Amino acid sequence: DEAFRKPVDAVDAEKLTAPLWAYLDELQPLLWQGGENYPSSAAQQLNW
């Protein structure tokens, strides 16, 4: 957690975020409309 409180160029951002992109690759096809579209705002998502 402490790494994210530092400037992004002061840490190995690529290594730190690799688990996120791997996770999102699994999540994307399971999202609303298969991850092809997204709510444009929090207000729109709240309405849905």
ModelCIF file with pLDDT and N, C-alpha, C, O atoms, coordinates in Angstrom:
data_MODEL
#
_entry.id   MODEL 
#
_entity.id                         1 
_entity.type                       polymer 
_entity.pdbx_number_of_molecules   1 
#
_entity_poly.entity_id                      1 
_entity_poly.type                           'polypeptide(L)' 
_entity_poly.nstd_linkage                   no 
_entity_poly.nstd_monomer                   no 
_entity_poly.pdbx_seq_one_letter_code       DEAFRKPVDAVDAEKLTAPLWAYLDELQPLLWQGGENYPSSAAQQLNW 
_entity_poly.pdbx_seq_one_letter_code_can   DEAFRKPVDAVDAEKLTAPLWAYLDELQPLLWQGGENYPSSAAQQLNW 
_entity_poly.pdbx_strand_id                 A 
#
loop_
_entity_poly_seq.entity_id 
_entity_poly_seq.num 
_entity_poly_seq.mon_id 
_entity_poly_seq.hetero 
1 1  ASP n 
1 2  GLU n 
1 3  ALA n 
1 4  PHE n 
1 5  ARG n 
1 6  LYS n 
1 7  PRO n 
1 8  VAL n 
1 9  ASP n 
1 10 ALA n 
1 11 VAL n 
1 12 ASP n 
1 13 ALA n 
1 14 GLU n 
1 15 LYS n 
1 16 LEU n 
1 17 THR n 
1 18 ALA n 
1 19 PRO n 
1 20 LEU n 
1 21 TRP n 
1 22 ALA n 
1 23 TYR n 
1 24 LEU n 
1 25 ASP n 
1 26 GLU n 
1 27 LEU n 
1 28 GLN n 
1 29 PRO n 
1 30 LEU n 
1 31 LEU n 
1 32 TRP n 
1 33 GLN n 
1 34 GLY n 
1 35 GLY n 
1 36 GLU n 
1 37 ASN n 
1 38 TYR n 
1 39 PRO n 
1 40 SER n 
1 41 SER n 
1 42 ALA n 
1 43 ALA n 
1 44 GLN n 
1 45 GLN n 
1 46 LEU n 
1 47 ASN n 
1 48 TRP n 
#
_struct_asym.id          A 
_struct_asym.entity_id   1 
#
loop_
_ma_qa_metric.id 
_ma_qa_metric.mode 
_ma_qa_metric.name 
_ma_qa_metric.software_group_id 
_ma_qa_metric.type 
1 global pLDDT . pLDDT 
2 local  pLDDT . pLDDT 
#
_ma_qa_metric_global.metric_id      1 
_ma_qa_metric_global.metric_value   95.79 
_ma_qa_metric_global.model_id       1 
_ma_qa_metric_global.ordinal_id     1 
#
loop_
_ma_qa_metric_local.label_asym_id 
_ma_qa_metric_local.label_comp_id 
_ma_qa_metric_local.label_seq_id 
_ma_qa_metric_local.metric_id 
_ma_qa_metric_local.metric_value 
_ma_qa_metric_local.model_id 
_ma_qa_metric_local.ordinal_id 
A ASP 1  2 84.00 1 1  
A GLU 2  2 91.00 1 2  
A ALA 3  2 95.00 1 3  
A PHE 4  2 96.00 1 4  
A ARG 5  2 94.00 1 5  
A LYS 6  2 95.00 1 6  
A PRO 7  2 96.00 1 7  
A VAL 8  2 97.00 1 8  
A ASP 9  2 96.00 1 9  
A ALA 10 2 97.00 1 10 
A VAL 11 2 97.00 1 11 
A ASP 12 2 97.00 1 12 
A ALA 13 2 97.00 1 13 
A GLU 14 2 97.00 1 14 
A LYS 15 2 96.00 1 15 
A LEU 16 2 97.00 1 16 
A THR 17 2 97.00 1 17 
A ALA 18 2 97.00 1 18 
A PRO 19 2 97.00 1 19 
A LEU 20 2 98.00 1 20 
A TRP 21 2 98.00 1 21 
A ALA 22 2 98.00 1 22 
A TYR 23 2 98.00 1 23 
A LEU 24 2 98.00 1 24 
A ASP 25 2 97.00 1 25 
A GLU 26 2 98.00 1 26 
A LEU 27 2 98.00 1 27 
A GLN 28 2 96.00 1 28 
A PRO 29 2 97.00 1 29 
A LEU 30 2 98.00 1 30 
A LEU 31 2 98.00 1 31 
A TRP 32 2 97.00 1 32 
A GLN 33 2 96.00 1 33 
A GLY 34 2 95.00 1 34 
A GLY 35 2 95.00 1 35 
A GLU 36 2 94.00 1 36 
A ASN 37 2 94.00 1 37 
A TYR 38 2 97.00 1 38 
A PRO 39 2 96.00 1 39 
A SER 40 2 93.00 1 40 
A SER 41 2 92.00 1 41 
A ALA 42 2 93.00 1 42 
A ALA 43 2 91.00 1 43 
A GLN 44 2 95.00 1 44 
A GLN 45 2 97.00 1 45 
A LEU 46 2 96.00 1 46 
A ASN 47 2 95.00 1 47 
A TRP 48 2 97.00 1 48 
#
loop_
_atom_site.group_PDB 
_atom_site.id 
_atom_site.type_symbol 
_atom_site.label_atom_id 
_atom_site.label_alt_id 
_atom_site.label_comp_id 
_atom_site.label_asym_id 
_atom_site.label_entity_id 
_atom_site.label_seq_id 
_atom_site.pdbx_PDB_ins_code 
_atom_site.Cartn_x 
_atom_site.Cartn_y 
_atom_site.Cartn_z 
_atom_site.occupancy 
_atom_site.B_iso_or_equiv 
_atom_site.pdbx_formal_charge 
_atom_site.auth_seq_id 
_atom_site.auth_comp_id 
_atom_site.auth_asym_id 
_atom_site.auth_atom_id 
_atom_site.pdbx_PDB_model_num 
ATOM 1   N N  . ASP A 1 1  ? 0.803   -1.213  0.000   1.00 84.00 ? 1  ASP A N  1 
ATOM 2   C CA . ASP A 1 1  ? 0.000   0.000   0.000   1.00 84.00 ? 1  ASP A CA 1 
ATOM 3   C C  . ASP A 1 1  ? 0.842   1.271   0.000   1.00 84.00 ? 1  ASP A C  1 
ATOM 4   O O  . ASP A 1 1  ? 0.498   2.242   -0.675  1.00 84.00 ? 1  ASP A O  1 
ATOM 5   N N  . GLU A 1 2  ? 1.948   1.274   0.755   1.00 91.00 ? 2  GLU A N  1 
ATOM 6   C CA . GLU A 1 2  ? 2.760   2.486   0.880   1.00 91.00 ? 2  GLU A CA 1 
ATOM 7   C C  . GLU A 1 2  ? 3.380   2.907   -0.451  1.00 91.00 ? 2  GLU A C  1 
ATOM 8   O O  . GLU A 1 2  ? 3.675   4.085   -0.653  1.00 91.00 ? 2  GLU A O  1 
ATOM 9   N N  . ALA A 1 3  ? 3.575   1.968   -1.343  1.00 95.00 ? 3  ALA A N  1 
ATOM 10  C CA . ALA A 1 3  ? 4.173   2.298   -2.641  1.00 95.00 ? 3  ALA A CA 1 
ATOM 11  C C  . ALA A 1 3  ? 3.293   3.247   -3.442  1.00 95.00 ? 3  ALA A C  1 
ATOM 12  O O  . ALA A 1 3  ? 3.797   4.045   -4.232  1.00 95.00 ? 3  ALA A O  1 
ATOM 13  N N  . PHE A 1 4  ? 1.981   3.166   -3.244  1.00 96.00 ? 4  PHE A N  1 
ATOM 14  C CA . PHE A 1 4  ? 1.058   3.988   -4.016  1.00 96.00 ? 4  PHE A CA 1 
ATOM 15  C C  . PHE A 1 4  ? 0.955   5.411   -3.476  1.00 96.00 ? 4  PHE A C  1 
ATOM 16  O O  . PHE A 1 4  ? 0.330   6.268   -4.101  1.00 96.00 ? 4  PHE A O  1 
ATOM 17  N N  . ARG A 1 5  ? 1.560   5.665   -2.330  1.00 94.00 ? 5  ARG A N  1 
ATOM 18  C CA . ARG A 1 5  ? 1.578   7.028   -1.796  1.00 94.00 ? 5  ARG A CA 1 
ATOM 19  C C  . ARG A 1 5  ? 2.799   7.795   -2.302  1.00 94.00 ? 5  ARG A C  1 
ATOM 20  O O  . ARG A 1 5  ? 2.945   8.989   -2.040  1.00 94.00 ? 5  ARG A O  1 
ATOM 21  N N  . LYS A 1 6  ? 3.673   7.097   -3.027  1.00 95.00 ? 6  LYS A N  1 
ATOM 22  C CA . LYS A 1 6  ? 4.858   7.725   -3.603  1.00 95.00 ? 6  LYS A CA 1 
ATOM 23  C C  . LYS A 1 6  ? 4.581   8.114   -5.061  1.00 95.00 ? 6  LYS A C  1 
ATOM 24  O O  . LYS A 1 6  ? 3.685   7.546   -5.685  1.00 95.00 ? 6  LYS A O  1 
ATOM 25  N N  . PRO A 1 7  ? 5.328   9.061   -5.603  1.00 96.00 ? 7  PRO A N  1 
ATOM 26  C CA . PRO A 1 7  ? 5.173   9.387   -7.029  1.00 96.00 ? 7  PRO A CA 1 
ATOM 27  C C  . PRO A 1 7  ? 5.364   8.149   -7.891  1.00 96.00 ? 7  PRO A C  1 
ATOM 28  O O  . PRO A 1 7  ? 6.183   7.285   -7.576  1.00 96.00 ? 7  PRO A O  1 
ATOM 29  N N  . VAL A 1 8  ? 4.618   8.065   -8.963  1.00 97.00 ? 8  VAL A N  1 
ATOM 30  C CA . VAL A 1 8  ? 4.620   6.859   -9.777  1.00 97.00 ? 8  VAL A CA 1 
ATOM 31  C C  . VAL A 1 8  ? 5.997   6.576   -10.378 1.00 97.00 ? 8  VAL A C  1 
ATOM 32  O O  . VAL A 1 8  ? 6.343   5.418   -10.610 1.00 97.00 ? 8  VAL A O  1 
ATOM 33  N N  . ASP A 1 9  ? 6.785   7.627   -10.632 1.00 96.00 ? 9  ASP A N  1 
ATOM 34  C CA . ASP A 1 9  ? 8.118   7.415   -11.218 1.00 96.00 ? 9  ASP A CA 1 
ATOM 35  C C  . ASP A 1 9  ? 9.171   7.066   -10.163 1.00 96.00 ? 9  ASP A C  1 
ATOM 36  O O  . ASP A 1 9  ? 10.342  6.873   -10.490 1.00 96.00 ? 9  ASP A O  1 
ATOM 37  N N  . ALA A 1 10 ? 8.744   6.985   -8.884  1.00 97.00 ? 10 ALA A N  1 
ATOM 38  C CA . ALA A 1 10 ? 9.684   6.616   -7.823  1.00 97.00 ? 10 ALA A CA 1 
ATOM 39  C C  . ALA A 1 10 ? 9.600   5.137   -7.468  1.00 97.00 ? 10 ALA A C  1 
ATOM 40  O O  . ALA A 1 10 ? 10.333  4.662   -6.600  1.00 97.00 ? 10 ALA A O  1 
ATOM 41  N N  . VAL A 1 11 ? 8.709   4.408   -8.136  1.00 97.00 ? 11 VAL A N  1 
ATOM 42  C CA . VAL A 1 11 ? 8.523   2.980   -7.861  1.00 97.00 ? 11 VAL A CA 1 
ATOM 43  C C  . VAL A 1 11 ? 8.469   2.225   -9.187  1.00 97.00 ? 11 VAL A C  1 
ATOM 44  O O  . VAL A 1 11 ? 8.453   2.829   -10.260 1.00 97.00 ? 11 VAL A O  1 
ATOM 45  N N  . ASP A 1 12 ? 8.443   0.902   -9.096  1.00 97.00 ? 12 ASP A N  1 
ATOM 46  C CA . ASP A 1 12 ? 8.300   0.076   -10.297 1.00 97.00 ? 12 ASP A CA 1 
ATOM 47  C C  . ASP A 1 12 ? 6.809   -0.084  -10.593 1.00 97.00 ? 12 ASP A C  1 
ATOM 48  O O  . ASP A 1 12 ? 6.193   -1.086  -10.230 1.00 97.00 ? 12 ASP A O  1 
ATOM 49  N N  . ALA A 1 13 ? 6.243   0.924   -11.258 1.00 97.00 ? 13 ALA A N  1 
ATOM 50  C CA . ALA A 1 13 ? 4.801   0.950   -11.493 1.00 97.00 ? 13 ALA A CA 1 
ATOM 51  C C  . ALA A 1 13 ? 4.339   -0.216  -12.366 1.00 97.00 ? 13 ALA A C  1 
ATOM 52  O O  . ALA A 1 13 ? 3.257   -0.761  -12.146 1.00 97.00 ? 13 ALA A O  1 
ATOM 53  N N  . GLU A 1 14 ? 5.134   -0.595  -13.339 1.00 97.00 ? 14 GLU A N  1 
ATOM 54  C CA . GLU A 1 14 ? 4.745   -1.697  -14.222 1.00 97.00 ? 14 GLU A CA 1 
ATOM 55  C C  . GLU A 1 14 ? 4.575   -2.994  -13.435 1.00 97.00 ? 14 GLU A C  1 
ATOM 56  O O  . GLU A 1 14 ? 3.615   -3.736  -13.644 1.00 97.00 ? 14 GLU A O  1 
ATOM 57  N N  . LYS A 1 15 ? 5.508   -3.257  -12.537 1.00 96.00 ? 15 LYS A N  1 
ATOM 58  C CA . LYS A 1 15 ? 5.433   -4.473  -11.725 1.00 96.00 ? 15 LYS A CA 1 
ATOM 59  C C  . LYS A 1 15 ? 4.267   -4.409  -10.738 1.00 96.00 ? 15 LYS A C  1 
ATOM 60  O O  . LYS A 1 15 ? 3.565   -5.397  -10.522 1.00 96.00 ? 15 LYS A O  1 
ATOM 61  N N  . LEU A 1 16 ? 4.076   -3.233  -10.146 1.00 97.00 ? 16 LEU A N  1 
ATOM 62  C CA . LEU A 1 16 ? 3.017   -3.075  -9.152  1.00 97.00 ? 16 LEU A CA 1 
ATOM 63  C C  . LEU A 1 16 ? 1.630   -3.230  -9.753  1.00 97.00 ? 16 LEU A C  1 
ATOM 64  O O  . LEU A 1 16 ? 0.720   -3.727  -9.091  1.00 97.00 ? 16 LEU A O  1 
ATOM 65  N N  . THR A 1 17 ? 1.461   -2.810  -11.000 1.00 97.00 ? 17 THR A N  1 
ATOM 66  C CA . THR A 1 17 ? 0.128   -2.839  -11.606 1.00 97.00 ? 17 THR A CA 1 
ATOM 67  C C  . THR A 1 17 ? -0.136  -4.096  -12.432 1.00 97.00 ? 17 THR A C  1 
ATOM 68  O O  . THR A 1 17 ? -1.259  -4.300  -12.894 1.00 97.00 ? 17 THR A O  1 
ATOM 69  N N  . ALA A 1 18 ? 0.866   -4.934  -12.622 1.00 97.00 ? 18 ALA A N  1 
ATOM 70  C CA . ALA A 1 18 ? 0.663   -6.157  -13.420 1.00 97.00 ? 18 ALA A CA 1 
ATOM 71  C C  . ALA A 1 18 ? -0.509  -7.000  -12.908 1.00 97.00 ? 18 ALA A C  1 
ATOM 72  O O  . ALA A 1 18 ? -1.289  -7.487  -13.726 1.00 97.00 ? 18 ALA A O  1 
ATOM 73  N N  . PRO A 1 19 ? -0.671  -7.197  -11.582 1.00 97.00 ? 19 PRO A N  1 
ATOM 74  C CA . PRO A 1 19 ? -1.824  -7.984  -11.111 1.00 97.00 ? 19 PRO A CA 1 
ATOM 75  C C  . PRO A 1 19 ? -3.170  -7.341  -11.462 1.00 97.00 ? 19 PRO A C  1 
ATOM 76  O O  . PRO A 1 19 ? -4.156  -8.049  -11.669 1.00 97.00 ? 19 PRO A O  1 
ATOM 77  N N  . LEU A 1 20 ? -3.217  -6.014  -11.531 1.00 98.00 ? 20 LEU A N  1 
ATOM 78  C CA . LEU A 1 20 ? -4.467  -5.326  -11.876 1.00 98.00 ? 20 LEU A CA 1 
ATOM 79  C C  . LEU A 1 20 ? -4.886  -5.634  -13.298 1.00 98.00 ? 20 LEU A C  1 
ATOM 80  O O  . LEU A 1 20 ? -6.049  -5.952  -13.546 1.00 98.00 ? 20 LEU A O  1 
ATOM 81  N N  . TRP A 1 21 ? -3.937  -5.544  -14.254 1.00 98.00 ? 21 TRP A N  1 
ATOM 82  C CA . TRP A 1 21 ? -4.298  -5.772  -15.653 1.00 98.00 ? 21 TRP A CA 1 
ATOM 83  C C  . TRP A 1 21 ? -4.655  -7.241  -15.894 1.00 98.00 ? 21 TRP A C  1 
ATOM 84  O O  . TRP A 1 21 ? -5.539  -7.542  -16.695 1.00 98.00 ? 21 TRP A O  1 
ATOM 85  N N  . ALA A 1 22 ? -3.980  -8.138  -15.212 1.00 98.00 ? 22 ALA A N  1 
ATOM 86  C CA . ALA A 1 22 ? -4.336  -9.557  -15.336 1.00 98.00 ? 22 ALA A CA 1 
ATOM 87  C C  . ALA A 1 22 ? -5.749  -9.795  -14.794 1.00 98.00 ? 22 ALA A C  1 
ATOM 88  O O  . ALA A 1 22 ? -6.525  -10.561 -15.366 1.00 98.00 ? 22 ALA A O  1 
ATOM 89  N N  . TYR A 1 23 ? -6.063  -9.136  -13.699 1.00 98.00 ? 23 TYR A N  1 
ATOM 90  C CA . TYR A 1 23 ? -7.392  -9.260  -13.094 1.00 98.00 ? 23 TYR A CA 1 
ATOM 91  C C  . TYR A 1 23 ? -8.470  -8.701  -14.030 1.00 98.00 ? 23 TYR A C  1 
ATOM 92  O O  . TYR A 1 23 ? -9.498  -9.340  -14.254 1.00 98.00 ? 23 TYR A O  1 
ATOM 93  N N  . LEU A 1 24 ? -8.226  -7.507  -14.572 1.00 98.00 ? 24 LEU A N  1 
ATOM 94  C CA . LEU A 1 24 ? -9.220  -6.885  -15.440 1.00 98.00 ? 24 LEU A CA 1 
ATOM 95  C C  . LEU A 1 24 ? -9.438  -7.682  -16.725 1.00 98.00 ? 24 LEU A C  1 
ATOM 96  O O  . LEU A 1 24 ? -10.538 -7.677  -17.277 1.00 98.00 ? 24 LEU A O  1 
ATOM 97  N N  . ASP A 1 25 ? -8.411  -8.357  -17.199 1.00 97.00 ? 25 ASP A N  1 
ATOM 98  C CA . ASP A 1 25 ? -8.572  -9.216  -18.378 1.00 97.00 ? 25 ASP A CA 1 
ATOM 99  C C  . ASP A 1 25 ? -9.608  -10.310 -18.105 1.00 97.00 ? 25 ASP A C  1 
ATOM 100 O O  . ASP A 1 25 ? -10.354 -10.706 -19.001 1.00 97.00 ? 25 ASP A O  1 
ATOM 101 N N  . GLU A 1 26 ? -9.646  -10.790 -16.870 1.00 98.00 ? 26 GLU A N  1 
ATOM 102 C CA . GLU A 1 26 ? -10.654 -11.799 -16.500 1.00 98.00 ? 26 GLU A CA 1 
ATOM 103 C C  . GLU A 1 26 ? -12.019 -11.163 -16.263 1.00 98.00 ? 26 GLU A C  1 
ATOM 104 O O  . GLU A 1 26 ? -13.051 -11.747 -16.593 1.00 98.00 ? 26 GLU A O  1 
ATOM 105 N N  . LEU A 1 27 ? -12.014 -9.968  -15.692 1.00 98.00 ? 27 LEU A N  1 
ATOM 106 C CA . LEU A 1 27 ? -13.274 -9.322  -15.338 1.00 98.00 ? 27 LEU A CA 1 
ATOM 107 C C  . LEU A 1 27 ? -14.013 -8.754  -16.545 1.00 98.00 ? 27 LEU A C  1 
ATOM 108 O O  . LEU A 1 27 ? -15.243 -8.794  -16.586 1.00 98.00 ? 27 LEU A O  1 
ATOM 109 N N  . GLN A 1 28 ? -13.286 -8.224  -17.529 1.00 96.00 ? 28 GLN A N  1 
ATOM 110 C CA . GLN A 1 28 ? -13.899 -7.500  -18.638 1.00 96.00 ? 28 GLN A CA 1 
ATOM 111 C C  . GLN A 1 28 ? -15.057 -8.242  -19.303 1.00 96.00 ? 28 GLN A C  1 
ATOM 112 O O  . GLN A 1 28 ? -16.134 -7.660  -19.433 1.00 96.00 ? 28 GLN A O  1 
ATOM 113 N N  . PRO A 1 29 ? -14.892 -9.499  -19.730 1.00 97.00 ? 29 PRO A N  1 
ATOM 114 C CA . PRO A 1 29 ? -16.003 -10.168 -20.424 1.00 97.00 ? 29 PRO A CA 1 
ATOM 115 C C  . PRO A 1 29 ? -17.203 -10.464 -19.524 1.00 97.00 ? 29 PRO A C  1 
ATOM 116 O O  . PRO A 1 29 ? -18.275 -10.810 -20.019 1.00 97.00 ? 29 PRO A O  1 
ATOM 117 N N  . LEU A 1 30 ? -17.034 -10.333 -18.224 1.00 98.00 ? 30 LEU A N  1 
ATOM 118 C CA . LEU A 1 30 ? -18.125 -10.599 -17.279 1.00 98.00 ? 30 LEU A CA 1 
ATOM 119 C C  . LEU A 1 30 ? -18.892 -9.335  -16.916 1.00 98.00 ? 30 LEU A C  1 
ATOM 120 O O  . LEU A 1 30 ? -19.907 -9.399  -16.222 1.00 98.00 ? 30 LEU A O  1 
ATOM 121 N N  . LEU A 1 31 ? -18.410 -8.184  -17.386 1.00 98.00 ? 31 LEU A N  1 
ATOM 122 C CA . LEU A 1 31 ? -19.039 -6.911  -17.070 1.00 98.00 ? 31 LEU A CA 1 
ATOM 123 C C  . LEU A 1 31 ? -20.328 -6.713  -17.854 1.00 98.00 ? 31 LEU A C  1 
ATOM 124 O O  . LEU A 1 31 ? -20.664 -7.493  -18.745 1.00 98.00 ? 31 LEU A O  1 
ATOM 125 N N  . TRP A 1 32 ? -21.035 -5.658  -17.500 1.00 97.00 ? 32 TRP A N  1 
ATOM 126 C CA . TRP A 1 32 ? -22.227 -5.227  -18.237 1.00 97.00 ? 32 TRP A CA 1 
ATOM 127 C C  . TRP A 1 32 ? -21.889 -5.079  -19.727 1.00 97.00 ? 32 TRP A C  1 
ATOM 128 O O  . TRP A 1 32 ? -20.888 -4.462  -20.092 1.00 97.00 ? 32 TRP A O  1 
ATOM 129 N N  . GLN A 1 33 ? -22.732 -5.651  -20.564 1.00 96.00 ? 33 GLN A N  1 
ATOM 130 C CA . GLN A 1 33 ? -22.531 -5.649  -22.019 1.00 96.00 ? 33 GLN A CA 1 
ATOM 131 C C  . GLN A 1 33 ? -21.167 -6.205  -22.418 1.00 96.00 ? 33 GLN A C  1 
ATOM 132 O O  . GLN A 1 33 ? -20.552 -5.753  -23.384 1.00 96.00 ? 33 GLN A O  1 
ATOM 133 N N  . GLY A 1 34 ? -20.713 -7.188  -21.659 1.00 95.00 ? 34 GLY A N  1 
ATOM 134 C CA . GLY A 1 34 ? -19.462 -7.858  -21.981 1.00 95.00 ? 34 GLY A CA 1 
ATOM 135 C C  . GLY A 1 34 ? -18.249 -6.956  -21.977 1.00 95.00 ? 34 GLY A C  1 
ATOM 136 O O  . GLY A 1 34 ? -17.247 -7.267  -22.621 1.00 95.00 ? 34 GLY A O  1 
ATOM 137 N N  . GLY A 1 35 ? -18.319 -5.831  -21.255 1.00 95.00 ? 35 GLY A N  1 
ATOM 138 C CA . GLY A 1 35 ? -17.192 -4.909  -21.210 1.00 95.00 ? 35 GLY A CA 1 
ATOM 139 C C  . GLY A 1 35 ? -17.012 -4.110  -22.484 1.00 95.00 ? 35 GLY A C  1 
ATOM 140 O O  . GLY A 1 35 ? -15.985 -3.454  -22.664 1.00 95.00 ? 35 GLY A O  1 
ATOM 141 N N  . GLU A 1 36 ? -18.005 -4.154  -23.380 1.00 94.00 ? 36 GLU A N  1 
ATOM 142 C CA . GLU A 1 36 ? -17.912 -3.395  -24.633 1.00 94.00 ? 36 GLU A CA 1 
ATOM 143 C C  . GLU A 1 36 ? -18.279 -1.924  -24.418 1.00 94.00 ? 36 GLU A C  1 
ATOM 144 O O  . GLU A 1 36 ? -17.829 -1.047  -25.155 1.00 94.00 ? 36 GLU A O  1 
ATOM 145 N N  . ASN A 1 37 ? -19.096 -1.673  -23.407 1.00 94.00 ? 37 ASN A N  1 
ATOM 146 C CA . ASN A 1 37 ? -19.498 -0.306  -23.066 1.00 94.00 ? 37 ASN A CA 1 
ATOM 147 C C  . ASN A 1 37 ? -19.431 -0.128  -21.559 1.00 94.00 ? 37 ASN A C  1 
ATOM 148 O O  . ASN A 1 37 ? -19.401 -1.098  -20.801 1.00 94.00 ? 37 ASN A O  1 
ATOM 149 N N  . TYR A 1 38 ? -19.407 1.135   -21.139 1.00 97.00 ? 38 TYR A N  1 
ATOM 150 C CA . TYR A 1 38 ? -19.287 1.460   -19.722 1.00 97.00 ? 38 TYR A CA 1 
ATOM 151 C C  . TYR A 1 38 ? -20.256 2.579   -19.376 1.00 97.00 ? 38 TYR A C  1 
ATOM 152 O O  . TYR A 1 38 ? -20.609 3.377   -20.244 1.00 97.00 ? 38 TYR A O  1 
ATOM 153 N N  . PRO A 1 39 ? -20.692 2.653   -18.124 1.00 96.00 ? 39 PRO A N  1 
ATOM 154 C CA . PRO A 1 39 ? -21.422 3.853   -17.693 1.00 96.00 ? 39 PRO A CA 1 
ATOM 155 C C  . PRO A 1 39 ? -20.530 5.077   -17.899 1.00 96.00 ? 39 PRO A C  1 
ATOM 156 O O  . PRO A 1 39 ? -19.321 5.024   -17.671 1.00 96.00 ? 39 PRO A O  1 
ATOM 157 N N  . SER A 1 40 ? -21.132 6.159   -18.326 1.00 93.00 ? 40 SER A N  1 
ATOM 158 C CA . SER A 1 40 ? -20.338 7.368   -18.571 1.00 93.00 ? 40 SER A CA 1 
ATOM 159 C C  . SER A 1 40 ? -20.038 8.127   -17.300 1.00 93.00 ? 40 SER A C  1 
ATOM 160 O O  . SER A 1 40 ? -19.143 8.972   -17.276 1.00 93.00 ? 40 SER A O  1 
ATOM 161 N N  . SER A 1 41 ? -20.786 7.831   -16.226 1.00 92.00 ? 41 SER A N  1 
ATOM 162 C CA . SER A 1 41 ? -20.605 8.559   -14.972 1.00 92.00 ? 41 SER A CA 1 
ATOM 163 C C  . SER A 1 41 ? -21.159 7.731   -13.820 1.00 92.00 ? 41 SER A C  1 
ATOM 164 O O  . SER A 1 41 ? -21.881 6.754   -14.019 1.00 92.00 ? 41 SER A O  1 
ATOM 165 N N  . ALA A 1 42 ? -20.798 8.151   -12.611 1.00 93.00 ? 42 ALA A N  1 
ATOM 166 C CA . ALA A 1 42 ? -21.348 7.501   -11.423 1.00 93.00 ? 42 ALA A CA 1 
ATOM 167 C C  . ALA A 1 42 ? -22.854 7.726   -11.350 1.00 93.00 ? 42 ALA A C  1 
ATOM 168 O O  . ALA A 1 42 ? -23.593 6.842   -10.917 1.00 93.00 ? 42 ALA A O  1 
ATOM 169 N N  . ALA A 1 43 ? -23.315 8.907   -11.773 1.00 91.00 ? 43 ALA A N  1 
ATOM 170 C CA . ALA A 1 43 ? -24.752 9.200   -11.740 1.00 91.00 ? 43 ALA A CA 1 
ATOM 171 C C  . ALA A 1 43 ? -25.520 8.266   -12.663 1.00 91.00 ? 43 ALA A C  1 
ATOM 172 O O  . ALA A 1 43 ? -26.588 7.772   -12.303 1.00 91.00 ? 43 ALA A O  1 
ATOM 173 N N  . GLN A 1 44 ? -24.982 8.024   -13.847 1.00 95.00 ? 44 GLN A N  1 
ATOM 174 C CA . GLN A 1 44 ? -25.650 7.106   -14.771 1.00 95.00 ? 44 GLN A CA 1 
ATOM 175 C C  . GLN A 1 44 ? -25.674 5.690   -14.213 1.00 95.00 ? 44 GLN A C  1 
ATOM 176 O O  . GLN A 1 44 ? -26.689 5.001   -14.317 1.00 95.00 ? 44 GLN A O  1 
ATOM 177 N N  . GLN A 1 45 ? -24.578 5.253   -13.626 1.00 97.00 ? 45 GLN A N  1 
ATOM 178 C CA . GLN A 1 45 ? -24.542 3.910   -13.055 1.00 97.00 ? 45 GLN A CA 1 
ATOM 179 C C  . GLN A 1 45 ? -25.502 3.795   -11.875 1.00 97.00 ? 45 GLN A C  1 
ATOM 180 O O  . GLN A 1 45 ? -26.122 2.750   -11.681 1.00 97.00 ? 45 GLN A O  1 
ATOM 181 N N  . LEU A 1 46 ? -25.628 4.851   -11.094 1.00 96.00 ? 46 LEU A N  1 
ATOM 182 C CA . LEU A 1 46 ? -26.567 4.837   -9.979  1.00 96.00 ? 46 LEU A CA 1 
ATOM 183 C C  . LEU A 1 46 ? -28.001 4.653   -10.483 1.00 96.00 ? 46 LEU A C  1 
ATOM 184 O O  . LEU A 1 46 ? -28.782 3.913   -9.885  1.00 96.00 ? 46 LEU A O  1 
ATOM 185 N N  . ASN A 1 47 ? -28.341 5.324   -11.577 1.00 95.00 ? 47 ASN A N  1 
ATOM 186 C CA . ASN A 1 47 ? -29.678 5.163   -12.151 1.00 95.00 ? 47 ASN A CA 1 
ATOM 187 C C  . ASN A 1 47 ? -29.919 3.723   -12.582 1.00 95.00 ? 47 ASN A C  1 
ATOM 188 O O  . ASN A 1 47 ? -31.004 3.184   -12.367 1.00 95.00 ? 47 ASN A O  1 
ATOM 189 N N  . TRP A 1 48 ? -28.923 3.102   -13.186 1.00 97.00 ? 48 TRP A N  1 
ATOM 190 C CA . TRP A 1 48 ? -29.070 1.712   -13.622 1.00 97.00 ? 48 TRP A CA 1 
ATOM 191 C C  . TRP A 1 48 ? -29.168 0.772   -12.420 1.00 97.00 ? 48 TRP A C  1 
ATOM 192 O O  . TRP A 1 48 ? -29.296 -0.440  -12.593 1.00 97.00 ? 48 TRP A O  1 
#
